[in-house]
Amino acid sequence: MRSTIYFLLLIVATVSLSGCVSEITPIDDLDSAVADERVAILVTDQQQIDDALKDGPVLLKIGAEWCPPCRQLDPVIDEIAIDYEGRATVMYIDTEITPALGARFNVYSIPDTTVIVDIEDGSYVFMRYDGVRETDRGKARILGYMEKGTFEKILDHAIKSREDLSEEQDL
């Protein structure tokens, strides 16, 4: 009888406390329909990036649907796409859909995110966190999950850099 009471108390305590440990939704619980409603643009051809660069910098996330950190980053990337609409283009490459495109960017770990500022002499120019333009993507990439503010800082540098270049060309 005593063990039955302990067992029932244990079940009541477990049920009462379940879901109270964390406010973070586990990746496995995300609704698959939400993943299909992306704001960022899926890149399937490099020309899409080149065309977008005519209008401003491009934030490019490279990842895969099966990658939990990539999926955690998706809402951040989509929110930035909304916030920077008209000033920058936010795009993503799914390495499962277009592995050759991921390989073009020398991806060895995902998520791998970078901001492309421009094209010079047929090569991409990237923006580093400190606001320096860089032709070596390895020095400008962000590996893994990162907070929204980090991407905003880099994008703000990229937008300012393009504005400064535009002003110089107008002189």
C-alpha atoms as a PDB file:
ATOM      1  CA  MET A   1       0.000   0.000   0.000  1.00  0.00           C
ATOM      2  CA  ARG A   2       2.776   2.388   0.923  1.00  0.00           C
ATOM      3  CA  SER A   3       4.604   1.769  -2.388  1.00  0.00           C
ATOM      4  CA  THR A   4       1.383   2.459  -4.304  1.00  0.00           C
ATOM      5  CA  ILE A   5       1.024   5.843  -2.570  1.00  0.00           C
ATOM      6  CA  TYR A   6       4.659   6.731  -3.320  1.00  0.00           C
ATOM      7  CA  PHE A   7       4.175   5.689  -6.910  1.00  0.00           C
ATOM      8  CA  LEU A   8       1.040   7.856  -7.276  1.00  0.00           C
ATOM      9  CA  LEU A   9       2.803  10.819  -5.647  1.00  0.00           C
ATOM     10  CA  LEU A  10       5.697  10.393  -8.062  1.00  0.00           C
ATOM     11  CA  ILE A  11       3.314  10.383 -11.049  1.00  0.00           C
ATOM     12  CA  VAL A  12       1.438  13.468  -9.774  1.00  0.00           C
ATOM     13  CA  ALA A  13       4.735  15.327  -9.225  1.00  0.00           C
ATOM     14  CA  THR A  14       6.016  14.372 -12.660  1.00  0.00           C
ATOM     15  CA  VAL A  15       2.831  15.481 -14.402  1.00  0.00           C
ATOM     16  CA  SER A  16       2.717  18.709 -12.393  1.00  0.00           C
ATOM     17  CA  LEU A  17       6.271  19.669 -13.224  1.00  0.00           C
ATOM     18  CA  SER A  18       6.366  18.545 -16.840  1.00  0.00           C
ATOM     19  CA  GLY A  19       6.884  21.413 -19.246  1.00  0.00           C
ATOM     20  CA  CYS A  20       8.061  23.754 -16.481  1.00  0.00           C
ATOM     21  CA  VAL A  21      11.758  23.237 -16.992  1.00  0.00           C
ATOM     22  CA  SER A  22      12.297  25.318 -20.117  1.00  0.00           C
ATOM     23  CA  GLU A  23      10.484  27.802 -22.318  1.00  0.00           C
ATOM     24  CA  ILE A  24      12.523  26.750 -25.356  1.00  0.00           C
ATOM     25  CA  THR A  25      10.638  24.627 -27.848  1.00  0.00           C
ATOM     26  CA  PRO A  26      12.693  21.607 -28.836  1.00  0.00           C
ATOM     27  CA  ILE A  27      13.565  21.459 -32.514  1.00  0.00           C
ATOM     28  CA  ASP A  28      11.746  18.134 -32.911  1.00  0.00           C
ATOM     29  CA  ASP A  29       8.473  19.776 -31.811  1.00  0.00           C
ATOM     30  CA  LEU A  30       8.516  22.472 -34.487  1.00  0.00           C
ATOM     31  CA  ASP A  31       5.614  22.245 -36.874  1.00  0.00           C
ATOM     32  CA  SER A  32       6.878  21.168 -40.282  1.00  0.00           C
ATOM     33  CA  ALA A  33       4.482  23.616 -41.931  1.00  0.00           C
ATOM     34  CA  VAL A  34       6.352  26.504 -40.280  1.00  0.00           C
ATOM     35  CA  ALA A  35       9.587  25.388 -41.939  1.00  0.00           C
ATOM     36  CA  ASP A  36       7.890  25.648 -45.335  1.00  0.00           C
ATOM     37  CA  GLU A  37       6.848  29.251 -44.703  1.00  0.00           C
ATOM     38  CA  ARG A  38      10.303  30.795 -45.036  1.00  0.00           C
ATOM     39  CA  VAL A  39      10.787  34.502 -45.648  1.00  0.00           C
ATOM     40  CA  ALA A  40      14.416  34.141 -46.713  1.00  0.00           C
ATOM     41  CA  ILE A  41      14.901  33.183 -50.353  1.00  0.00           C
ATOM     42  CA  LEU A  42      16.011  29.647 -51.228  1.00  0.00           C
ATOM     43  CA  VAL A  43      18.982  29.801 -53.592  1.00  0.00           C
ATOM     44  CA  THR A  44      19.191  27.079 -56.207  1.00  0.00           C
ATOM     45  CA  ASP A  45      21.483  28.897 -58.635  1.00  0.00           C
ATOM     46  CA  GLN A  46      24.418  31.219 -58.017  1.00  0.00           C
ATOM     47  CA  GLN A  47      22.957  33.735 -60.477  1.00  0.00           C
ATOM     48  CA  GLN A  48      20.229  34.480 -57.904  1.00  0.00           C
ATOM     49  CA  ILE A  49      22.907  35.790 -55.542  1.00  0.00           C
ATOM     50  CA  ASP A  50      24.574  37.826 -58.283  1.00  0.00           C
ATOM     51  CA  ASP A  51      21.238  39.376 -59.270  1.00  0.00           C
ATOM     52  CA  ALA A  52      20.368  40.216 -55.652  1.00  0.00           C
ATOM     53  CA  LEU A  53      23.735  41.939 -55.178  1.00  0.00           C
ATOM     54  CA  LYS A  54      22.680  44.561 -57.735  1.00  0.00           C
ATOM     55  CA  ASP A  55      20.169  45.852 -55.162  1.00  0.00           C
ATOM     56  CA  GLY A  56      22.294  45.621 -52.007  1.00  0.00           C
ATOM     57  CA  PRO A  57      24.206  43.255 -49.747  1.00  0.00           C
ATOM     58  CA  VAL A  58      23.172  39.617 -49.352  1.00  0.00           C
ATOM     59  CA  LEU A  59      23.041  37.725 -46.074  1.00  0.00           C
ATOM     60  CA  LEU A  60      23.584  34.094 -47.065  1.00  0.00           C
ATOM     61  CA  LYS A  61      22.981  31.168 -44.714  1.00  0.00           C
ATOM     62  CA  ILE A  62      24.175  27.753 -45.817  1.00  0.00           C
ATOM     63  CA  GLY A  63      22.705  24.750 -44.040  1.00  0.00           C
ATOM     64  CA  ALA A  64      20.411  21.767 -44.327  1.00  0.00           C
ATOM     65  CA  GLU A  65      16.942  20.860 -43.117  1.00  0.00           C
ATOM     66  CA  TRP A  66      18.238  17.889 -41.090  1.00  0.00           C
ATOM     67  CA  CYS A  67      20.654  20.114 -39.104  1.00  0.00           C
ATOM     68  CA  PRO A  68      19.199  21.206 -35.705  1.00  0.00           C
ATOM     69  CA  PRO A  69      21.363  24.371 -35.342  1.00  0.00           C
ATOM     70  CA  CYS A  70      20.412  25.338 -38.911  1.00  0.00           C
ATOM     71  CA  ARG A  71      16.733  25.010 -38.081  1.00  0.00           C
ATOM     72  CA  GLN A  72      17.214  27.015 -34.887  1.00  0.00           C
ATOM     73  CA  LEU A  73      18.812  29.775 -36.939  1.00  0.00           C
ATOM     74  CA  ASP A  74      15.998  29.873 -39.530  1.00  0.00           C
ATOM     75  CA  PRO A  75      13.598  32.066 -37.489  1.00  0.00           C
ATOM     76  CA  VAL A  76      16.431  34.547 -36.826  1.00  0.00           C
ATOM     77  CA  ILE A  77      17.299  34.664 -40.532  1.00  0.00           C
ATOM     78  CA  ASP A  78      13.651  35.098 -41.505  1.00  0.00           C
ATOM     79  CA  GLU A  79      13.181  37.913 -38.998  1.00  0.00           C
ATOM     80  CA  ILE A  80      16.212  39.694 -40.437  1.00  0.00           C
ATOM     81  CA  ALA A  81      14.749  39.242 -43.931  1.00  0.00           C
ATOM     82  CA  ILE A  82      11.648  41.128 -42.793  1.00  0.00           C
ATOM     83  CA  ASP A  83      13.587  43.823 -40.905  1.00  0.00           C
ATOM     84  CA  TYR A  84      16.002  44.506 -43.785  1.00  0.00           C
ATOM     85  CA  GLU A  85      13.522  44.295 -46.657  1.00  0.00           C
ATOM     86  CA  GLY A  86      14.476  46.857 -49.297  1.00  0.00           C
ATOM     87  CA  ARG A  87      17.987  47.343 -47.856  1.00  0.00           C
ATOM     88  CA  ALA A  88      19.453  43.829 -48.107  1.00  0.00           C
ATOM     89  CA  THR A  89      18.462  40.427 -49.422  1.00  0.00           C
ATOM     90  CA  VAL A  90      18.419  37.416 -47.117  1.00  0.00           C
ATOM     91  CA  MET A  91      18.959  34.078 -48.808  1.00  0.00           C
ATOM     92  CA  TYR A  92      19.784  30.507 -47.886  1.00  0.00           C
ATOM     93  CA  ILE A  93      21.292  27.469 -49.535  1.00  0.00           C
ATOM     94  CA  ASP A  94      20.117  23.997 -48.545  1.00  0.00           C
ATOM     95  CA  THR A  95      23.112  21.728 -49.124  1.00  0.00           C
ATOM     96  CA  GLU A  96      20.801  18.737 -49.514  1.00  0.00           C
ATOM     97  CA  ILE A  97      19.027  20.401 -52.441  1.00  0.00           C
ATOM     98  CA  THR A  98      22.078  21.995 -54.093  1.00  0.00           C
ATOM     99  CA  PRO A  99      25.270  20.375 -52.742  1.00  0.00           C
ATOM    100  CA  ALA A 100      27.401  21.805 -55.570  1.00  0.00           C
ATOM    101  CA  LEU A 101      26.386  25.338 -54.591  1.00  0.00           C
ATOM    102  CA  GLY A 102      27.382  24.668 -50.996  1.00  0.00           C
ATOM    103  CA  ALA A 103      30.692  23.314 -52.249  1.00  0.00           C
ATOM    104  CA  ARG A 104      31.206  26.522 -54.268  1.00  0.00           C
ATOM    105  CA  PHE A 105      31.378  28.345 -50.937  1.00  0.00           C
ATOM    106  CA  ASN A 106      33.796  25.803 -49.378  1.00  0.00           C
ATOM    107  CA  VAL A 107      31.349  24.804 -46.673  1.00  0.00           C
ATOM    108  CA  TYR A 108      32.765  22.355 -44.155  1.00  0.00           C
ATOM    109  CA  SER A 109      30.436  22.962 -41.215  1.00  0.00           C
ATOM    110  CA  ILE A 110      26.833  24.117 -41.042  1.00  0.00           C
ATOM    111  CA  PRO A 111      25.187  26.450 -40.423  1.00  0.00           C
ATOM    112  CA  ASP A 112      27.654  28.702 -42.224  1.00  0.00           C
ATOM    113  CA  THR A 113      26.538  32.296 -42.700  1.00  0.00           C
ATOM    114  CA  THR A 114      28.152  35.238 -44.415  1.00  0.00           C
ATOM    115  CA  VAL A 115      27.305  38.670 -45.781  1.00  0.00           C
ATOM    116  CA  ILE A 116      28.266  39.343 -49.379  1.00  0.00           C
ATOM    117  CA  VAL A 117      28.772  43.040 -50.076  1.00  0.00           C
ATOM    118  CA  ASP A 118      29.653  43.102 -53.744  1.00  0.00           C
ATOM    119  CA  ILE A 119      31.363  41.448 -56.686  1.00  0.00           C
ATOM    120  CA  GLU A 120      34.787  42.755 -57.699  1.00  0.00           C
ATOM    121  CA  ASP A 121      36.851  41.270 -60.511  1.00  0.00           C
ATOM    122  CA  GLY A 122      34.476  38.303 -60.689  1.00  0.00           C
ATOM    123  CA  SER A 123      34.865  37.404 -56.987  1.00  0.00           C
ATOM    124  CA  TYR A 124      32.592  38.033 -54.048  1.00  0.00           C
ATOM    125  CA  VAL A 125      33.524  40.616 -51.436  1.00  0.00           C
ATOM    126  CA  PHE A 126      32.391  39.738 -47.908  1.00  0.00           C
ATOM    127  CA  MET A 127      31.796  41.863 -44.820  1.00  0.00           C
ATOM    128  CA  ARG A 128      33.523  40.991 -41.581  1.00  0.00           C
ATOM    129  CA  TYR A 129      32.029  41.628 -38.142  1.00  0.00           C
ATOM    130  CA  ASP A 130      34.386  44.597 -37.644  1.00  0.00           C
ATOM    131  CA  GLY A 131      33.210  46.329 -40.841  1.00  0.00           C
ATOM    132  CA  VAL A 132      36.201  45.415 -42.989  1.00  0.00           C
ATOM    133  CA  ARG A 133      35.572  44.275 -46.578  1.00  0.00           C
ATOM    134  CA  GLU A 134      37.197  40.891 -47.192  1.00  0.00           C
ATOM    135  CA  THR A 135      37.759  38.746 -50.282  1.00  0.00           C
ATOM    136  CA  ASP A 136      38.562  35.666 -48.177  1.00  0.00           C
ATOM    137  CA  ARG A 137      35.200  34.259 -47.072  1.00  0.00           C
ATOM    138  CA  GLY A 138      36.936  32.196 -44.396  1.00  0.00           C
ATOM    139  CA  LYS A 139      37.712  35.412 -42.524  1.00  0.00           C
ATOM    140  CA  ALA A 140      34.130  36.679 -42.778  1.00  0.00           C
ATOM    141  CA  ARG A 141      32.033  33.566 -42.154  1.00  0.00           C
ATOM    142  CA  ILE A 142      30.015  32.829 -39.047  1.00  0.00           C
ATOM    143  CA  LEU A 143      29.844  29.170 -38.114  1.00  0.00           C
ATOM    144  CA  GLY A 144      27.021  27.823 -35.974  1.00  0.00           C
ATOM    145  CA  TYR A 145      24.120  29.585 -34.337  1.00  0.00           C
ATOM    146  CA  MET A 146      24.483  33.307 -33.711  1.00  0.00           C
ATOM    147  CA  GLU A 147      22.221  35.937 -32.188  1.00  0.00           C
ATOM    148  CA  LYS A 148      20.294  38.335 -34.419  1.00  0.00           C
ATOM    149  CA  GLY A 149      22.329  41.345 -33.273  1.00  0.00           C
ATOM    150  CA  THR A 150      25.530  39.914 -34.722  1.00  0.00           C
ATOM    151  CA  PHE A 151      23.998  39.595 -38.182  1.00  0.00           C
ATOM    152  CA  GLU A 152      22.444  43.057 -37.896  1.00  0.00           C
ATOM    153  CA  LYS A 153      25.813  44.597 -37.083  1.00  0.00           C
ATOM    154  CA  ILE A 154      27.451  42.977 -40.110  1.00  0.00           C
ATOM    155  CA  LEU A 155      24.561  43.912 -42.398  1.00  0.00           C
ATOM    156  CA  ASP A 156      24.636  47.515 -41.156  1.00  0.00           C
ATOM    157  CA  HIS A 157      28.374  47.657 -41.963  1.00  0.00           C
ATOM    158  CA  ALA A 158      27.679  46.203 -45.425  1.00  0.00           C
ATOM    159  CA  ILE A 159      24.889  48.681 -46.170  1.00  0.00           C
ATOM    160  CA  LYS A 160      27.076  51.605 -45.050  1.00  0.00           C
ATOM    161  CA  SER A 161      29.990  50.299 -47.106  1.00  0.00           C
ATOM    162  CA  ARG A 162      27.859  50.175 -50.254  1.00  0.00           C
ATOM    163  CA  GLU A 163      26.490  53.665 -49.568  1.00  0.00           C
ATOM    164  CA  ASP A 164      30.027  55.012 -49.096  1.00  0.00           C
ATOM    165  CA  LEU A 165      31.180  53.421 -52.361  1.00  0.00           C
ATOM    166  CA  SER A 166      28.162  54.826 -54.162  1.00  0.00           C
ATOM    167  CA  GLU A 167      28.934  58.328 -52.869  1.00  0.00           C
ATOM    168  CA  GLU A 168      32.582  57.999 -53.952  1.00  0.00           C
ATOM    169  CA  GLN A 169      31.523  56.951 -57.452  1.00  0.00           C
ATOM    170  CA  ASP A 170      29.161  59.929 -57.690  1.00  0.00           C
ATOM    171  CA  LEU A 171      32.042  62.382 -57.023  1.00  0.00           C
END
